[in-house]
Amino acid sequence: MSRGNLLAISARLFAKGGFEATSMRDIAGEAGMLAGSMYYHFPSKYELIAAVYEAGVAEIGAAVDTAVARARAPWTRLEAACVAHLESLLADRAHAAVMTADLSRLDARLRRRLVAMRDGYEKRFVVLVEALPLPGAVDRTLWRLQLLGALNWTPTWYRPGGKSPASIARALVAALR
């Protein structure tokens, strides 16, 4: 079993049952391996959760970076980032659930580690929002958090066959503009 397959299975099970309720034994069973074999790949459940989260952050970060690199104007760059962010979240519902999960109930050390990863990803949006020609009275931090909050909530209500992720992201940026 490859590390990538274990991460995908773990993401799916974490999304379905939550971090706390999913055991290493559950993941091993789903992967068709002995529970002890999991520890060859990941020394602890916390390391596994962090690896799943890190893989999700890397995947969505790469998609956003690629999209933004093709755009020039500030609003176009932000829109491209939002489209890539939302398309990534909705393409892999398991990773989306892990990436947008409430981290408050996790062990404090693990929570700090995941929040640091999330903050590293969100720096892209700090830079993008700073470049926007917003009125001086606008709190750019709150504006950015509203935007990301709306994007990250989309997987809870989105249904395939409706509006495309790109059209949803563009509409959100247009509304906030």
Protein backbone atom coordinates (compact mmCIF):
# COMPACT_ATOMS: atom_id res chain seq x y z
CA MET A 1 0.00 0.00 0.00
CA SER A 2 1.48 3.33 -1.03
CA ARG A 3 1.63 6.35 1.25
CA GLY A 4 -0.61 8.25 -1.17
CA ASN A 5 -3.29 5.56 -1.00
CA LEU A 6 -3.12 5.57 2.80
CA LEU A 7 -3.53 9.35 2.82
CA ALA A 8 -6.56 9.13 0.51
CA ILE A 9 -8.20 6.41 2.62
CA SER A 10 -7.43 8.35 5.79
CA ALA A 11 -8.88 11.57 4.38
CA ARG A 12 -12.08 9.75 3.39
CA LEU A 13 -12.48 8.14 6.81
CA PHE A 14 -11.61 11.35 8.70
CA ALA A 15 -14.18 13.20 6.58
CA LYS A 16 -16.82 10.55 7.26
CA GLY A 17 -16.31 10.02 10.98
CA GLY A 18 -14.12 12.84 12.19
CA PHE A 19 -10.55 12.78 13.47
CA GLU A 20 -11.42 11.61 16.96
CA ALA A 21 -13.73 8.78 15.94
CA THR A 22 -11.46 7.30 13.26
CA SER A 23 -8.84 4.89 14.55
CA MET A 24 -5.63 3.66 12.99
CA ARG A 25 -7.28 0.22 13.07
CA ASP A 26 -10.21 1.57 10.99
CA ILE A 27 -7.83 2.96 8.39
CA ALA A 28 -5.70 -0.19 8.31
CA GLY A 29 -8.82 -2.32 7.85
CA GLU A 30 -10.01 -0.19 4.97
CA ALA A 31 -6.54 -0.35 3.43
CA GLY A 32 -6.41 -4.13 3.77
CA MET A 33 -3.44 -4.15 6.08
CA LEU A 34 -2.69 -5.02 9.69
CA ALA A 35 -3.15 -2.19 12.16
CA GLY A 36 0.48 -2.46 13.24
CA SER A 37 1.60 -1.95 9.67
CA MET A 38 0.21 1.59 9.77
CA TYR A 39 2.98 2.53 12.19
CA TYR A 40 5.58 1.70 9.55
CA HIS A 41 4.24 4.65 7.54
CA PHE A 42 3.08 6.95 10.35
CA PRO A 43 4.41 6.79 13.93
CA SER A 44 1.13 8.07 15.38
CA LYS A 45 -2.39 9.05 14.48
CA TYR A 46 -1.40 12.71 14.92
CA GLU A 47 1.35 12.29 12.34
CA LEU A 48 -1.17 10.71 9.98
CA ILE A 49 -3.67 13.54 10.46
CA ALA A 50 -0.91 16.09 9.89
CA ALA A 51 0.21 14.28 6.72
CA VAL A 52 -3.35 14.24 5.35
CA TYR A 53 -3.76 17.92 6.16
CA GLU A 54 -0.37 18.80 4.69
CA ALA A 55 -1.16 16.92 1.47
CA GLY A 56 -4.43 18.84 1.16
CA VAL A 57 -2.74 22.18 1.80
CA ALA A 58 -0.04 21.40 -0.77
CA GLU A 59 -2.58 20.32 -3.39
CA ILE A 60 -4.84 23.33 -3.04
CA GLY A 61 -1.85 25.67 -2.70
CA ALA A 62 -0.37 24.42 -5.96
CA ALA A 63 -3.70 24.89 -7.74
CA VAL A 64 -4.03 28.46 -6.45
CA ASP A 65 -0.42 29.32 -7.30
CA THR A 66 -0.85 28.04 -10.86
CA ALA A 67 -4.08 29.97 -11.34
CA VAL A 68 -2.72 33.22 -9.94
CA ALA A 69 0.44 33.03 -12.06
CA ARG A 70 -1.65 33.35 -15.21
CA ALA A 71 -3.47 36.53 -14.06
CA ARG A 72 -2.18 40.10 -13.86
CA ALA A 73 -4.75 42.55 -12.47
CA PRO A 74 -5.47 42.39 -8.70
CA TRP A 75 -9.16 41.50 -9.00
CA THR A 76 -8.44 38.96 -11.74
CA ARG A 77 -5.73 37.37 -9.58
CA LEU A 78 -8.08 37.13 -6.59
CA GLU A 79 -10.85 35.66 -8.72
CA ALA A 80 -8.46 33.09 -10.20
CA ALA A 81 -7.31 32.13 -6.69
CA CYS A 82 -10.90 31.75 -5.49
CA VAL A 83 -11.87 29.64 -8.49
CA ALA A 84 -8.86 27.35 -7.99
CA HIS A 85 -9.52 27.14 -4.24
CA LEU A 86 -13.16 26.21 -4.67
CA GLU A 87 -12.58 23.82 -7.57
CA SER A 88 -9.96 22.03 -5.46
CA LEU A 89 -12.23 21.80 -2.45
CA LEU A 90 -15.13 20.46 -4.46
CA ALA A 91 -13.05 18.05 -6.55
CA ASP A 92 -11.98 16.04 -3.50
CA ARG A 93 -14.74 16.15 -0.91
CA ALA A 94 -12.73 14.09 1.59
CA HIS A 95 -9.79 16.48 1.60
CA ALA A 96 -12.20 19.40 1.66
CA ALA A 97 -13.80 18.07 4.82
CA VAL A 98 -10.40 17.61 6.43
CA MET A 99 -9.15 21.04 5.31
CA THR A 100 -12.22 22.87 6.55
CA ALA A 101 -12.81 20.85 9.74
CA ASP A 102 -13.18 22.52 13.12
CA LEU A 103 -9.76 22.09 14.68
CA SER A 104 -10.73 23.37 18.13
CA ARG A 105 -11.24 19.93 19.70
CA LEU A 106 -7.88 18.53 18.64
CA ASP A 107 -4.85 18.14 20.88
CA ALA A 108 -3.29 21.59 21.35
CA ARG A 109 0.05 20.65 19.75
CA LEU A 110 -1.62 19.08 16.72
CA ARG A 111 -4.01 22.02 16.42
CA ARG A 112 -1.09 24.49 16.41
CA ARG A 113 0.66 22.45 13.74
CA LEU A 114 -2.40 22.33 11.48
CA VAL A 115 -3.21 26.01 12.04
CA ALA A 116 0.36 26.89 11.06
CA MET A 117 -0.11 24.95 7.81
CA ARG A 118 -3.43 26.67 7.17
CA ASP A 119 -1.95 30.08 7.92
CA GLY A 120 0.91 29.37 5.52
CA TYR A 121 -1.61 28.60 2.81
CA GLU A 122 -3.73 31.67 3.60
CA LYS A 123 -0.74 34.01 3.22
CA ARG A 124 -1.47 33.79 -0.49
CA PHE A 125 -4.80 35.47 0.14
CA VAL A 126 -3.26 38.06 2.47
CA VAL A 127 -1.03 39.17 -0.43
CA LEU A 128 -3.89 39.08 -2.93
CA VAL A 129 -6.23 41.13 -0.73
CA GLU A 130 -3.49 43.65 0.09
CA ALA A 131 -3.14 44.35 -3.66
CA LEU A 132 -6.85 45.13 -4.10
CA PRO A 133 -8.00 48.74 -4.50
CA LEU A 134 -10.41 48.57 -1.55
CA PRO A 135 -11.69 51.67 0.27
CA GLY A 136 -9.41 52.74 3.13
CA ALA A 137 -12.03 52.00 5.78
CA VAL A 138 -12.22 48.32 4.82
CA ASP A 139 -10.65 45.96 7.34
CA ARG A 140 -8.71 43.77 4.93
CA THR A 141 -8.27 40.98 7.47
CA LEU A 142 -12.00 40.66 8.09
CA TRP A 143 -12.71 41.01 4.37
CA ARG A 144 -10.29 38.14 3.61
CA LEU A 145 -11.70 35.97 6.38
CA GLN A 146 -15.24 36.55 5.10
CA LEU A 147 -14.16 35.50 1.63
CA LEU A 148 -12.36 32.35 2.79
CA GLY A 149 -15.17 31.50 5.18
CA ALA A 150 -17.73 31.67 2.38
CA LEU A 151 -15.55 29.59 0.06
CA ASN A 152 -14.80 26.99 2.74
CA TRP A 153 -18.47 26.65 3.66
CA THR A 154 -19.47 25.85 0.07
CA PRO A 155 -18.80 22.07 0.34
CA THR A 156 -21.52 21.84 3.01
CA TRP A 157 -24.27 22.99 0.66
CA TYR A 158 -22.90 22.40 -2.83
CA ARG A 159 -24.61 19.77 -4.99
CA PRO A 160 -23.06 18.53 -8.23
CA GLY A 161 -25.13 19.45 -11.24
CA GLY A 162 -25.88 22.94 -9.97
CA LYS A 163 -23.79 26.00 -10.60
CA SER A 164 -20.15 25.25 -11.35
CA PRO A 165 -17.53 25.88 -8.68
CA ALA A 166 -15.99 28.54 -10.96
CA SER A 167 -19.27 30.42 -11.33
CA ILE A 168 -19.86 30.28 -7.56
CA ALA A 169 -16.38 31.65 -6.83
CA ARG A 170 -16.74 34.39 -9.44
CA ALA A 171 -20.14 35.40 -8.05
CA LEU A 172 -18.74 35.60 -4.55
CA VAL A 173 -15.86 37.82 -5.62
CA ALA A 174 -18.25 40.02 -7.62
CA ALA A 175 -20.55 40.39 -4.59
CA LEU A 176 -17.66 41.39 -2.34
CA ARG A 177 -16.23 43.74 -4.93
